Protein backbone atom coordinates (compact mmCIF):
# COMPACT_ATOMS: atom_id res chain seq x y z
CA MET A 1 0.00 0.00 0.00
CA PRO A 2 1.30 3.46 -0.80
CA PRO A 3 2.62 5.47 2.13
CA GLY A 4 -0.10 8.20 1.94
CA PRO A 5 -2.34 9.80 2.58
CA PHE A 6 -1.08 12.34 0.09
CA GLU A 7 -2.01 16.00 0.31
CA SER A 8 -2.24 16.57 -3.44
CA LEU A 9 -1.65 15.03 -6.84
CA ASP A 10 1.77 16.73 -6.87
CA ASP A 11 2.60 15.17 -3.49
CA PHE A 12 1.57 11.73 -4.82
CA THR A 13 3.56 12.19 -8.02
CA LYS A 14 6.70 13.40 -6.24
CA ASN A 15 6.72 11.20 -3.13
CA HIS A 16 5.20 7.98 -4.43
CA LEU A 17 5.65 7.76 -8.18
CA GLY A 18 9.00 9.55 -8.16
CA VAL A 19 10.48 7.77 -5.14
CA VAL A 20 8.88 4.31 -5.16
CA ILE A 21 7.61 3.39 -8.62
CA GLU A 22 9.78 5.13 -11.22
CA PRO A 23 13.20 4.03 -9.90
CA SER A 24 12.29 0.32 -10.15
CA PRO A 25 11.93 -1.44 -13.50
CA ALA A 26 10.17 -4.28 -11.62
CA TRP A 27 7.23 -2.03 -10.70
CA MET A 28 4.49 -0.55 -12.89
CA LEU A 29 1.51 1.51 -11.72
CA TYR A 30 -1.70 1.93 -13.73
CA ALA A 31 -4.59 4.37 -13.41
CA VAL A 32 -7.96 2.69 -12.96
CA ILE A 33 -10.66 4.36 -15.07
CA ASP A 34 -14.34 3.52 -14.51
CA LYS A 35 -15.86 3.68 -17.97
CA THR A 36 -19.37 3.25 -16.55
CA ARG A 37 -19.27 6.76 -15.03
CA PRO A 38 -18.77 10.09 -16.73
CA THR A 39 -15.63 11.99 -15.95
CA SER A 40 -16.00 14.11 -12.83
CA SER A 41 -12.47 15.08 -12.03
CA PRO A 42 -10.01 17.72 -13.18
CA THR A 43 -8.05 15.00 -15.00
CA ASN A 44 -10.70 15.00 -17.76
CA TYR A 45 -10.29 11.41 -18.89
CA PRO A 46 -12.47 11.23 -22.00
CA ASP A 47 -13.60 7.65 -21.40
CA GLY A 48 -14.62 7.74 -17.74
CA ALA A 49 -13.79 8.73 -14.20
CA LEU A 50 -10.52 8.18 -12.36
CA ALA A 51 -11.37 5.46 -9.82
CA GLY A 52 -7.96 4.59 -8.36
CA ALA A 53 -4.67 2.88 -9.13
CA ILE A 54 -3.28 -0.65 -9.24
CA GLY A 55 0.14 -2.01 -10.09
CA TYR A 56 2.51 -4.86 -10.70
CA LEU A 57 5.40 -4.91 -8.27
CA ASP A 58 8.38 -7.11 -7.55
CA SER A 59 8.09 -8.49 -11.08
CA SER A 60 10.74 -11.05 -11.93
CA ALA A 61 11.70 -12.16 -15.42
CA GLN A 62 13.89 -14.87 -13.89
CA ASN A 63 11.04 -16.35 -11.83
CA ILE A 64 8.33 -15.45 -14.38
CA SER A 65 6.23 -13.88 -11.61
CA THR A 66 4.77 -10.65 -10.30
CA GLU A 67 2.65 -9.26 -7.50
CA ILE A 68 -0.51 -7.21 -7.86
CA GLY A 69 -0.27 -4.38 -5.40
CA PHE A 70 -0.65 -0.72 -4.54
CA VAL A 71 -4.38 -1.24 -4.97
CA VAL A 72 -6.08 2.08 -4.24
CA THR A 73 -9.79 2.47 -4.90
CA LEU A 74 -11.09 5.99 -4.36
CA PRO A 75 -14.03 6.26 -1.90
CA PRO A 76 -16.84 6.82 -4.45
CA PHE A 77 -15.81 3.58 -6.20
CA GLN A 78 -15.36 1.33 -3.16
CA ARG A 79 -17.77 -1.60 -2.85
CA THR A 80 -18.46 -1.47 -6.59
CA HIS A 81 -17.20 -3.49 -9.56
CA VAL A 82 -14.05 -1.36 -9.85
CA THR A 83 -11.54 -3.28 -7.70
CA SER A 84 -12.68 -6.68 -8.99
CA ASN A 85 -12.49 -5.59 -12.62
CA ALA A 86 -9.08 -3.92 -12.22
CA GLY A 87 -7.70 -7.01 -10.47
CA GLY A 88 -9.27 -9.27 -13.07
CA LEU A 89 -7.70 -7.35 -15.94
CA MET A 90 -4.31 -7.51 -14.21
CA LEU A 91 -4.68 -11.28 -13.76
CA GLN A 92 -5.74 -11.81 -17.36
CA TYR A 93 -2.75 -9.89 -18.68
CA ALA A 94 -0.31 -11.60 -16.31
CA LEU A 95 -1.51 -15.21 -16.67
CA ASP A 96 -2.91 -15.48 -20.20
CA SER A 97 -0.40 -16.93 -22.64
CA PRO A 98 1.45 -14.65 -25.07
CA GLU A 99 -0.61 -16.23 -27.89
CA ASP A 100 -3.73 -14.92 -26.09
CA GLY A 101 -2.27 -11.43 -25.54
CA GLY A 102 -0.89 -12.02 -22.04
CA LEU A 103 2.51 -12.25 -20.43
CA GLY A 104 2.36 -16.00 -19.68
CA LEU A 105 3.62 -15.65 -16.10
CA ARG A 106 3.79 -18.66 -13.78
CA ARG A 107 2.78 -16.96 -10.52
CA VAL A 108 0.92 -13.84 -9.40
CA GLN A 109 1.01 -12.89 -5.74
CA TRP A 110 -1.32 -10.68 -3.67
CA GLN A 111 -0.18 -9.43 -0.27
CA ALA A 112 -2.26 -7.55 2.28
CA HIS A 113 -1.96 -6.21 5.80
CA ASP A 114 -3.32 -9.14 7.80
CA GLY A 115 -5.92 -6.81 9.32
CA ASN A 116 -7.15 -5.53 5.93
CA GLN A 117 -10.22 -7.71 5.50
CA ALA A 118 -11.37 -5.89 2.35
CA SER A 119 -8.11 -6.62 0.53
CA LYS A 120 -8.09 -10.24 1.69
CA LYS A 121 -11.70 -10.72 0.53
CA ALA A 122 -10.85 -9.19 -2.85
CA ALA A 123 -8.05 -11.73 -3.31
CA GLU A 124 -10.28 -14.64 -2.28
CA ARG A 125 -13.13 -13.46 -4.54
CA MET A 126 -10.75 -13.56 -7.49
CA GLY A 127 -9.62 -17.11 -6.70
CA PHE A 128 -6.22 -16.50 -5.09
CA LYS A 129 -5.09 -19.26 -2.73
CA TYR A 130 -4.18 -18.29 0.83
CA GLU A 131 -0.57 -19.21 1.63
CA GLY A 132 -0.11 -17.85 5.15
CA VAL A 133 0.97 -14.88 7.25
CA SER A 134 4.49 -13.53 7.50
CA ARG A 135 4.78 -11.86 10.89
CA TRP A 136 6.64 -8.55 11.15
CA ASN A 137 7.07 -8.67 7.38
CA ARG A 138 7.31 -4.91 6.94
CA ILE A 139 8.23 -1.83 8.93
CA PHE A 140 6.40 1.35 7.96
CA LYS A 141 8.22 4.51 8.89
CA ASP A 142 6.42 7.38 10.58
CA ARG A 143 2.96 5.89 10.02
CA VAL A 144 1.29 6.73 13.33
CA LYS A 145 0.96 10.43 12.46
CA ARG A 146 -0.71 9.41 9.18
CA GLY A 147 -3.34 7.40 11.03
CA LYS A 148 -1.99 4.02 9.96
CA ILE A 149 -2.15 0.99 12.19
CA GLY A 150 0.36 -1.78 12.46
CA ASN A 151 0.06 -5.30 13.73
CA GLY A 152 -1.08 -4.12 17.15
CA ARG A 153 1.93 -5.49 19.02
CA GLY A 154 3.97 -2.35 19.53
CA VAL A 155 7.54 -2.09 18.28
CA PRO A 156 10.81 -3.42 19.68
CA LYS A 157 13.14 -1.37 21.86
CA GLY A 158 15.14 1.07 19.81
CA ALA A 159 12.49 1.49 17.11
CA GLU A 160 11.79 5.00 15.96
CA GLU A 161 8.79 6.80 17.42
CA GLY A 162 5.79 6.49 15.09
CA ASP A 163 6.97 3.40 13.20
CA VAL A 164 4.64 0.41 12.98
CA GLY A 165 5.15 -3.22 12.01
CA ARG A 166 2.95 -5.15 9.60
CA ASP A 167 1.99 -8.78 9.45
CA THR A 168 1.41 -9.72 5.81
CA ALA A 169 -1.15 -12.21 4.51
CA THR A 170 0.04 -13.76 1.25
CA TYR A 171 -2.16 -15.15 -1.49
CA ALA A 172 -1.08 -16.55 -4.85
CA MET A 173 -2.49 -17.68 -8.15
CA CYS A 174 -0.36 -19.82 -10.40
CA TRP A 175 -0.70 -20.66 -14.06
CA ASP A 176 -2.25 -24.06 -13.33
CA ASN A 177 -4.91 -22.48 -11.05
CA TRP A 178 -5.64 -20.06 -13.90
CA GLU A 179 -6.08 -22.86 -16.42
CA GLU A 180 -8.06 -25.17 -14.08
CA TYR A 181 -10.65 -22.78 -12.62
CA ALA A 182 -9.54 -19.20 -11.97
CA ARG A 183 -9.90 -17.78 -15.49
CA GLU A 184 -13.60 -18.67 -15.45
CA GLN A 185 -14.01 -17.50 -11.84
CA VAL A 186 -12.45 -14.13 -12.68
CA ARG A 187 -14.67 -13.80 -15.76
CA ARG A 188 -17.79 -14.38 -13.61
CA VAL A 189 -16.64 -11.88 -10.98
CA MET A 190 -15.94 -9.26 -13.64
CA GLU A 191 -19.40 -9.71 -15.18
CA ARG A 192 -21.22 -8.72 -11.99
CA ARG A 193 -22.23 -5.10 -11.54
């Protein structure tokens, strides 16, 4: 999840895109556009409204894998078709074969703060398999002042004031899951409105 909240588009561009996404060739962030709604933002997308962002991260050509992450759905689009459709499109592109217009990856991962039930449900709805929880998987700097919560267990002695730890739930979908059942499951999820 991006470090936010961000105070402006410029803040997001400078402190997230410029610092986190752009320096890494293994990460790619996409805008999510809801084509079922007219544009209502200053971005003036001709085909719909800006609904959020989603990305591939930790992509590996050697391991033929990626992770879907940095999923941000703006409040007016939460609890709608937007997150499911964005995730479904990302899965289709990652797991479909090159002959079918995809990348032909072997594994797609989804990680979530273990307390983020909405993100975990989104992964399960799409057919990801739960693999477990990695405790203290991440340290988030200076998150308390931004209203972020950690794993609820405090921090060790010597940690900086305001840092929090995260336990990470990991889900995965592999090429064989995609071929056996998940492609059809994702199609059904994306058809709902």
